C-alpha atoms as a PDB file:
ATOM      1  CA  UNK A   1      -9.609   2.261  23.755  1.00  0.00           C
ATOM      2  CA  UNK A   2     -12.929   3.699  22.382  1.00  0.00           C
ATOM      3  CA  UNK A   3     -11.119   5.000  19.218  1.00  0.00           C
ATOM      4  CA  UNK A   4     -11.092   1.176  18.116  1.00  0.00           C
ATOM      5  CA  UNK A   5     -14.624   0.616  18.734  1.00  0.00           C
ATOM      6  CA  UNK A   6     -15.908   0.624  15.208  1.00  0.00           C
ATOM      7  CA  UNK A   7     -12.461   0.108  13.322  1.00  0.00           C
ATOM      8  CA  UNK A   8     -13.855  -3.492  12.133  1.00  0.00           C
ATOM      9  CA  UNK A   9     -17.170  -2.514  11.020  1.00  0.00           C
ATOM     10  CA  UNK A  10     -16.451   0.514   8.579  1.00  0.00           C
ATOM     11  CA  UNK A  11     -16.460   0.335   5.308  1.00  0.00           C
ATOM     12  CA  UNK A  12     -13.101   0.703   3.027  1.00  0.00           C
ATOM     13  CA  UNK A  13     -12.885   4.302   1.163  1.00  0.00           C
ATOM     14  CA  UNK A  14     -10.645   2.482  -1.257  1.00  0.00           C
ATOM     15  CA  UNK A  15     -11.924   1.276  -4.537  1.00  0.00           C
ATOM     16  CA  UNK A  16     -10.109  -2.169  -4.387  1.00  0.00           C
ATOM     17  CA  UNK A  17     -10.451  -2.881  -8.133  1.00  0.00           C
ATOM     18  CA  UNK A  18      -8.789  -0.157  -8.839  1.00  0.00           C
ATOM     19  CA  UNK A  19      -5.470  -1.209  -6.681  1.00  0.00           C
ATOM     20  CA  UNK A  20      -2.298  -2.406  -8.695  1.00  0.00           C
ATOM     21  CA  UNK A  21       1.398  -2.381  -7.989  1.00  0.00           C
ATOM     22  CA  UNK A  22       4.266  -1.318 -10.418  1.00  0.00           C
ATOM     23  CA  UNK A  23       7.988  -1.829  -9.892  1.00  0.00           C
ATOM     24  CA  UNK A  24       9.861   1.541  -9.071  1.00  0.00           C
ATOM     25  CA  UNK A  25      13.626   0.357  -9.374  1.00  0.00           C
ATOM     26  CA  UNK A  26      15.679  -2.306  -8.828  1.00  0.00           C
ATOM     27  CA  UNK A  27      18.199  -2.804  -6.230  1.00  0.00           C
ATOM     28  CA  UNK A  28      20.015  -5.671  -4.631  1.00  0.00           C
ATOM     29  CA  UNK A  29      18.705  -5.127  -0.850  1.00  0.00           C
ATOM     30  CA  UNK A  30      15.266  -4.166  -1.395  1.00  0.00           C
ATOM     31  CA  UNK A  31      12.441  -4.247  -3.879  1.00  0.00           C
ATOM     32  CA  UNK A  32      10.424  -0.967  -4.282  1.00  0.00           C
ATOM     33  CA  UNK A  33       6.806  -0.856  -5.547  1.00  0.00           C
ATOM     34  CA  UNK A  34       4.268   2.076  -5.889  1.00  0.00           C
ATOM     35  CA  UNK A  35       0.735   0.872  -5.247  1.00  0.00           C
ATOM     36  CA  UNK A  36      -2.253   2.884  -7.165  1.00  0.00           C
ATOM     37  CA  UNK A  37      -5.761   2.973  -5.658  1.00  0.00           C
ATOM     38  CA  UNK A  38      -8.676   5.571  -5.444  1.00  0.00           C
ATOM     39  CA  UNK A  39     -10.064   6.601  -2.391  1.00  0.00           C
ATOM     40  CA  UNK A  40     -13.574   8.406  -2.459  1.00  0.00           C
ATOM     41  CA  UNK A  41     -12.557   8.923  -6.167  1.00  0.00           C
ATOM     42  CA  UNK A  42      -9.497  10.483  -5.774  1.00  0.00           C
ATOM     43  CA  UNK A  43      -6.478   8.727  -7.290  1.00  0.00           C
ATOM     44  CA  UNK A  44      -3.716   8.076  -4.697  1.00  0.00           C
ATOM     45  CA  UNK A  45      -0.524   6.234  -4.799  1.00  0.00           C
ATOM     46  CA  UNK A  46       1.682   4.771  -1.886  1.00  0.00           C
ATOM     47  CA  UNK A  47       5.289   3.577  -2.105  1.00  0.00           C
ATOM     48  CA  UNK A  48       6.331  -0.024  -0.504  1.00  0.00           C
ATOM     49  CA  UNK A  49       9.428  -1.307   0.546  1.00  0.00           C
ATOM     50  CA  UNK A  50      10.002  -5.017   0.498  1.00  0.00           C
ATOM     51  CA  UNK A  51      13.209  -5.866   2.466  1.00  0.00           C
ATOM     52  CA  UNK A  52      15.466  -8.662   1.038  1.00  0.00           C
ATOM     53  CA  UNK A  53      17.717 -11.196   2.384  1.00  0.00           C
ATOM     54  CA  UNK A  54      21.350  -9.264   2.561  1.00  0.00           C
ATOM     55  CA  UNK A  55      24.575  -9.970   4.220  1.00  0.00           C
ATOM     56  CA  UNK A  56      25.722  -7.365   6.711  1.00  0.00           C
END
């Protein structure tokens, strides 16, 4: 697939020194986090969900 040709040679636009995580809330089944970062000098956020062990 030609659109992946240069995928590993591209420079990241994200300033990795600006990335940090913070708790969003608490749950018995999922762990919510919010990641903050800068991409091309624009502050952005990304919400992340980590699934925890549970009984179904």
